[in-house]
Amino acid sequence: MSRPVLFDTDPGCDDAVAITLALASDDLEVVGLSTAHGNTTVENTTANARSILELVDRTDVPVARGADCPLTVDLETAEHIHGPDGILGDLPEPTAATEPVDAPGAQFIVEQAREHAGDLTLVAIAPLTNVALALALEPDLPELLDELVVMGGAAFGQGNVTPLAEANFHSDPHAAHRVVRDLSPTIVGLDVTRGATFPPDRLPALSRDGQLEWTIRQWLTYYDEEQLARYDIESAAIHDALVVAWLLDDGILEIEPCAMRVGTDNDLARGALVCDARGVTERPPNGYVATAVDTARFRSVLGEGLEFLLQ
């Protein structure tokens, strides 16, 4: 029996890889995509989500347009990383087949959580605005979800927006604070996702000239030379895809319980994920954090998924 999965997402090149990997697996049932601001505006992320579904012929998956700005701070986007409209590649124009549902993103999350009560895995790979709003709408959300997995934060390493903060948490620190405090998430942060690289030459099928192959190559190589040098890696980190790969093979990550909080001030602590790994505060764990990644195993799972998709 496949696991129902809902993506809260801001596509985004690495989001696109994560979504397509999930769609390629018989072990996961993607029940929908809720979109948010983040890598670009919500207008663009919603169009990108729809285009991804059109590209891989999965127009059956519903899309819900979500939050267009953070809860309290100003909107920041990252087109300089992911491309002018927030994503690279040769994507089809969305059609009526992927027209967003009437429910906004937060309400859609609540509806899916109720429909799949106790079974739904919510995969949050965007700023956590929609998830925080969903919790406000439905205080029983923690009991309705089977699991919440979040790509965000930098638990034991440097961030990519400030020395302490990763982009998703920095984009909406107040939402991240609420979600981490109250929803017992599993956090997969930059500490481990920087090891989630996939050089395209590992997969011979990507050398073909088809629209899908060319687009996936663009997604896998969205870092420019400056970013590769800054992080001292050979190819782009496919951050969000690591979460999906771990759902398919739980041996990819090492996970530890931890007491966690997210900073909300407007200085260096904004969006900082603080993990009390040594029990200094004596607070009980309120979630889990990934501490190590098996890169070879990640590449194997991602490669198999992409190869299946490209058949």
Protein backbone atom coordinates (compact mmCIF):
# COMPACT_ATOMS: atom_id res chain seq x y z
CA MET A 1 0.00 0.00 0.00
CA SER A 2 1.44 3.39 -0.99
CA ARG A 3 1.91 6.21 1.49
CA PRO A 4 -0.22 9.33 0.86
CA VAL A 5 2.05 12.39 0.57
CA LEU A 6 1.16 16.06 0.27
CA PHE A 7 3.83 18.54 -0.84
CA ASP A 8 3.89 22.10 0.42
CA THR A 9 6.29 23.56 -2.10
CA ASP A 10 7.74 26.61 -3.88
CA PRO A 11 9.12 25.16 -7.15
CA GLY A 12 12.17 25.76 -7.50
CA CYS A 13 14.58 23.42 -9.28
CA ASP A 14 15.24 21.12 -6.33
CA ASP A 15 11.50 21.11 -5.51
CA ALA A 16 10.86 19.96 -9.07
CA VAL A 17 13.26 17.03 -8.69
CA ALA A 18 11.65 16.10 -5.36
CA ILE A 19 8.16 16.14 -6.83
CA THR A 20 9.08 14.12 -9.91
CA LEU A 21 10.94 11.56 -7.78
CA ALA A 22 7.82 11.07 -5.68
CA LEU A 23 5.59 10.83 -8.75
CA ALA A 24 7.88 8.15 -10.19
CA SER A 25 7.51 5.90 -7.13
CA ASP A 26 4.82 3.30 -6.57
CA ASP A 27 5.48 3.58 -2.84
CA LEU A 28 4.21 7.16 -2.63
CA GLU A 29 0.79 8.51 -3.59
CA VAL A 30 1.06 12.25 -4.21
CA VAL A 31 -2.36 13.54 -3.16
CA GLY A 32 -1.64 17.17 -3.97
CA LEU A 33 0.66 20.17 -4.09
CA SER A 34 0.09 23.34 -2.09
CA THR A 35 2.20 26.25 -3.25
CA ALA A 36 3.81 29.12 -1.37
CA HIS A 37 6.05 32.12 -1.86
CA GLY A 38 9.75 31.34 -1.54
CA ASN A 39 12.03 30.69 -4.48
CA THR A 40 9.83 33.15 -6.38
CA THR A 41 6.37 34.68 -6.07
CA VAL A 42 3.39 32.45 -5.40
CA GLU A 43 2.07 33.32 -8.87
CA ASN A 44 5.22 31.77 -10.32
CA THR A 45 5.47 28.83 -7.92
CA THR A 46 1.86 27.89 -8.69
CA ALA A 47 2.48 28.09 -12.43
CA ASN A 48 5.69 26.09 -11.99
CA ALA A 49 3.95 23.38 -9.99
CA ARG A 50 1.29 23.08 -12.68
CA SER A 51 3.91 22.97 -15.44
CA ILE A 52 5.84 20.20 -13.69
CA LEU A 53 2.67 18.10 -13.54
CA GLU A 54 1.96 18.81 -17.21
CA LEU A 55 5.55 17.89 -18.14
CA VAL A 56 5.34 14.44 -16.55
CA ASP A 57 1.68 13.86 -17.57
CA ARG A 58 0.30 13.87 -14.03
CA THR A 59 -2.49 16.37 -14.39
CA ASP A 60 -4.56 14.23 -12.00
CA VAL A 61 -2.65 15.68 -9.02
CA PRO A 62 -4.49 18.71 -7.58
CA VAL A 63 -2.73 22.03 -6.96
CA ALA A 64 -3.76 24.59 -4.34
CA ARG A 65 -2.39 28.11 -4.45
CA GLY A 66 -1.20 29.15 -1.00
CA ALA A 67 0.37 32.06 0.85
CA ASP A 68 1.75 34.92 -1.21
CA CYS A 69 3.80 36.44 1.63
CA PRO A 70 5.22 35.58 5.07
CA LEU A 71 3.21 36.04 8.25
CA THR A 72 4.90 39.28 9.36
CA VAL A 73 8.20 39.94 7.57
CA ASP A 74 8.69 41.27 4.05
CA LEU A 75 8.66 38.94 1.06
CA GLU A 76 12.06 37.80 -0.23
CA THR A 77 12.56 35.56 -3.27
CA ALA A 78 15.48 33.74 -4.89
CA GLU A 79 15.22 34.06 -8.66
CA HIS A 80 18.98 34.69 -8.70
CA ILE A 81 19.39 31.03 -7.70
CA HIS A 82 16.56 29.26 -9.53
CA GLY A 83 16.02 31.37 -12.64
CA PRO A 84 13.88 34.35 -13.73
CA ASP A 85 10.53 32.67 -12.95
CA GLY A 86 11.94 30.59 -10.11
CA ILE A 87 12.74 27.51 -12.19
CA LEU A 88 14.89 26.44 -15.14
CA GLY A 89 14.11 24.10 -18.02
CA ASP A 90 11.73 23.79 -20.94
CA LEU A 91 8.35 23.67 -19.23
CA PRO A 92 4.94 23.55 -20.90
CA GLU A 93 2.41 26.30 -20.29
CA PRO A 94 -0.17 25.25 -17.70
CA THR A 95 -3.55 24.27 -19.10
CA ALA A 96 -7.05 24.02 -17.67
CA ALA A 97 -6.20 20.45 -16.62
CA THR A 98 -4.10 21.78 -13.73
CA GLU A 99 -6.22 24.78 -12.75
CA PRO A 100 -5.82 25.28 -8.98
CA VAL A 101 -8.58 24.05 -6.70
CA ASP A 102 -10.79 26.59 -4.95
CA ALA A 103 -9.34 25.99 -1.49
CA PRO A 104 -6.29 28.07 -0.56
CA GLY A 105 -3.13 26.17 0.36
CA ALA A 106 -3.62 26.10 4.14
CA GLN A 107 -7.23 24.94 3.85
CA PHE A 108 -6.20 22.30 1.31
CA ILE A 109 -3.63 20.94 3.77
CA VAL A 110 -6.34 20.68 6.43
CA GLU A 111 -8.77 18.99 4.04
CA GLN A 112 -6.20 16.40 2.97
CA ALA A 113 -5.15 15.79 6.58
CA ARG A 114 -8.76 15.10 7.51
CA GLU A 115 -9.37 12.91 4.46
CA HIS A 116 -6.27 10.79 5.18
CA ALA A 117 -6.48 11.09 8.96
CA GLY A 118 -3.54 9.36 10.62
CA ASP A 119 -1.95 8.32 7.32
CA LEU A 120 -0.82 11.52 5.59
CA THR A 121 2.81 12.54 5.32
CA LEU A 122 3.14 16.30 4.83
CA VAL A 123 6.38 17.14 3.05
CA ALA A 124 7.12 20.84 3.60
CA ILE A 125 9.86 22.06 1.28
CA ALA A 126 8.97 25.75 1.19
CA PRO A 127 8.74 28.56 3.74
CA LEU A 128 6.33 27.24 6.36
CA THR A 129 3.61 29.88 6.01
CA ASN A 130 0.94 27.49 4.71
CA VAL A 131 1.69 24.91 7.40
CA ALA A 132 1.49 27.47 10.19
CA LEU A 133 -1.81 28.77 8.82
CA ALA A 134 -3.13 25.22 8.54
CA LEU A 135 -2.30 24.66 12.21
CA ALA A 136 -4.19 27.85 13.09
CA LEU A 137 -7.20 26.59 11.12
CA GLU A 138 -7.04 23.08 12.60
CA PRO A 139 -5.47 22.81 16.08
CA ASP A 140 -5.75 19.01 15.82
CA LEU A 141 -3.41 18.94 12.81
CA PRO A 142 -0.63 17.19 14.79
CA GLU A 143 -2.98 14.29 15.52
CA LEU A 144 -4.31 14.16 11.95
CA LEU A 145 -0.88 13.83 10.34
CA ASP A 146 1.13 10.65 10.34
CA GLU A 147 4.33 12.63 9.84
CA LEU A 148 5.60 16.10 8.99
CA VAL A 149 8.97 16.22 7.22
CA VAL A 150 10.52 19.65 6.72
CA MET A 151 13.42 20.66 4.50
CA GLY A 152 14.72 23.71 6.34
CA GLY A 153 17.09 25.10 8.88
CA ALA A 154 20.77 24.60 9.48
CA ALA A 155 20.93 22.65 12.70
CA PHE A 156 24.67 22.18 13.14
CA GLY A 157 26.20 24.19 10.31
CA GLN A 158 26.10 27.53 8.53
CA GLY A 159 23.04 28.83 6.76
CA ASN A 160 22.78 30.03 3.18
CA VAL A 161 21.09 33.39 3.84
CA THR A 162 22.86 34.35 7.07
CA PRO A 163 25.58 32.45 8.94
CA LEU A 164 22.80 30.95 11.10
CA ALA A 165 19.76 30.71 8.84
CA GLU A 166 18.65 28.66 5.86
CA ALA A 167 16.38 30.22 3.22
CA ASN A 168 13.05 28.54 4.04
CA PHE A 169 13.26 29.37 7.75
CA HIS A 170 14.66 32.85 7.12
CA SER A 171 11.84 33.64 4.65
CA ASP A 172 9.16 33.19 7.32
CA PRO A 173 10.78 32.78 10.74
CA HIS A 174 7.52 33.18 12.68
CA ALA A 175 5.87 30.37 10.74
CA ALA A 176 8.94 28.18 11.20
CA HIS A 177 8.94 28.93 14.93
CA ARG A 178 5.31 27.87 15.31
CA VAL A 179 5.63 24.73 13.20
CA VAL A 180 8.82 23.51 14.88
CA ARG A 181 7.43 24.24 18.33
CA ASP A 182 4.02 22.63 17.89
CA LEU A 183 4.07 20.00 15.11
CA SER A 184 6.90 17.63 16.14
CA PRO A 185 8.54 17.69 12.70
CA THR A 186 11.46 15.77 11.31
CA ILE A 187 13.89 18.47 10.16
CA VAL A 188 16.22 17.81 7.24
CA GLY A 189 18.52 20.82 7.13
CA LEU A 190 21.45 22.18 5.19
CA ASP A 191 23.85 20.17 7.36
CA VAL A 192 22.85 17.09 5.42
CA THR A 193 21.24 18.39 2.24
CA ARG A 194 24.52 19.88 1.06
CA GLY A 195 25.60 16.27 0.62
CA ALA A 196 22.60 15.54 -1.62
CA THR A 197 24.35 16.09 -4.94
CA PHE A 198 23.71 14.24 -8.19
CA PRO A 199 26.09 14.85 -11.11
CA PRO A 200 23.97 14.41 -14.25
CA ASP A 201 26.66 12.32 -15.95
CA ARG A 202 25.81 9.52 -13.49
CA LEU A 203 22.65 8.87 -15.50
CA PRO A 204 23.28 8.17 -19.22
CA ALA A 205 19.61 8.73 -20.11
CA LEU A 206 20.04 12.43 -19.27
CA SER A 207 22.35 12.81 -22.28
CA ARG A 208 19.37 12.44 -24.63
CA ASP A 209 17.93 15.56 -26.25
CA GLY A 210 14.30 15.22 -25.21
CA GLN A 211 12.38 17.99 -23.44
CA LEU A 212 12.14 16.04 -20.18
CA GLU A 213 15.80 14.99 -20.20
CA TRP A 214 17.03 18.51 -20.94
CA THR A 215 14.79 20.01 -18.27
CA ILE A 216 15.91 17.57 -15.58
CA ARG A 217 19.55 18.33 -16.46
CA GLN A 218 18.77 22.00 -15.91
CA TRP A 219 17.21 21.24 -12.52
CA LEU A 220 20.21 19.17 -11.45
CA THR A 221 22.72 21.86 -12.46
CA TYR A 222 21.02 25.03 -11.20
CA TYR A 223 24.05 26.17 -9.15
CA ASP A 224 26.44 28.50 -10.95
CA GLU A 225 30.22 28.29 -10.59
CA GLU A 226 30.28 30.80 -7.73
CA GLN A 227 27.85 28.73 -5.68
CA LEU A 228 29.71 25.49 -6.36
CA ALA A 229 32.93 27.13 -5.18
CA ARG A 230 31.31 28.67 -2.11
CA TYR A 231 30.04 25.31 -0.87
CA ASP A 232 33.00 23.31 -2.23
CA ILE A 233 30.82 20.76 -4.03
CA GLU A 234 31.06 19.23 -7.51
CA SER A 235 27.42 19.71 -8.49
CA ALA A 236 24.30 21.40 -7.15
CA ALA A 237 22.77 20.25 -3.88
CA ILE A 238 19.29 18.88 -4.62
CA HIS A 239 18.11 19.77 -1.13
CA ASP A 240 14.40 18.95 -1.36
CA ALA A 241 14.87 15.65 -3.17
CA LEU A 242 16.74 14.30 -0.15
CA VAL A 243 13.51 14.35 1.86
CA VAL A 244 11.71 12.22 -0.72
CA ALA A 245 14.66 9.85 -1.13
CA TRP A 246 14.64 9.30 2.64
CA LEU A 247 10.92 8.47 2.56
CA LEU A 248 11.80 5.79 0.00
CA ASP A 249 14.89 4.52 1.85
CA ASP A 250 15.16 5.42 5.53
CA GLY A 251 18.79 4.30 5.59
CA ILE A 252 19.81 7.45 3.70
CA LEU A 253 19.67 9.67 6.80
CA GLU A 254 20.60 9.35 10.44
CA ILE A 255 17.87 10.92 12.58
CA GLU A 256 18.04 11.93 16.24
CA PRO A 257 15.40 13.33 18.64
CA CYS A 258 16.12 16.89 19.69
CA ALA A 259 14.70 19.89 21.53
CA MET A 260 14.45 22.62 18.88
CA ARG A 261 13.45 26.25 18.52
CA VAL A 262 13.57 28.81 15.69
CA GLY A 263 14.64 32.42 16.22
CA THR A 264 12.22 35.18 15.24
CA ASP A 265 14.09 38.44 15.78
CA ASN A 266 15.17 40.55 12.82
CA ASP A 267 18.91 40.24 13.32
CA LEU A 268 21.30 37.29 13.01
CA ALA A 269 18.97 34.97 14.91
CA ARG A 270 16.16 35.41 12.36
CA GLY A 271 15.25 31.94 11.15
CA ALA A 272 18.06 30.25 13.07
CA LEU A 273 17.28 26.67 14.00
CA VAL A 274 18.61 26.01 17.50
CA CYS A 275 19.01 22.33 18.38
CA ASP A 276 19.81 21.45 21.96
CA ALA A 277 21.77 18.30 21.14
CA ARG A 278 23.46 18.15 24.57
CA GLY A 279 20.38 18.77 26.68
CA VAL A 280 21.61 22.11 28.03
CA THR A 281 18.07 23.49 28.42
CA GLU A 282 16.74 20.20 29.84
CA ARG A 283 13.74 20.55 27.54
CA PRO A 284 12.35 17.29 26.16
CA PRO A 285 12.69 16.63 22.42
CA ASN A 286 9.94 18.22 20.33
CA GLY A 287 10.94 16.62 17.05
CA TYR A 288 13.73 14.95 15.13
CA VAL A 289 16.70 16.29 13.21
CA ALA A 290 18.81 14.68 10.49
CA THR A 291 22.46 14.48 11.49
CA ALA A 292 24.16 12.60 8.62
CA VAL A 293 23.53 11.57 5.00
CA ASP A 294 24.67 8.61 2.92
CA THR A 295 25.32 10.42 -0.37
CA ALA A 296 25.94 7.26 -2.37
CA ARG A 297 22.65 5.80 -1.21
CA PHE A 298 20.83 9.06 -2.03
CA ARG A 299 22.28 9.07 -5.54
CA SER A 300 21.20 5.48 -6.04
CA VAL A 301 17.58 6.17 -5.06
CA LEU A 302 17.39 9.38 -7.10
CA GLY A 303 19.06 7.77 -10.10
CA GLU A 304 16.66 4.83 -10.08
CA GLY A 305 13.68 7.16 -9.83
CA LEU A 306 14.81 9.39 -12.66
CA GLU A 307 15.70 6.41 -14.83
CA PHE A 308 12.17 5.03 -14.35
CA LEU A 309 10.70 8.43 -15.22
CA LEU A 310 12.75 8.65 -18.41
CA GLN A 311 11.85 5.22 -19.76
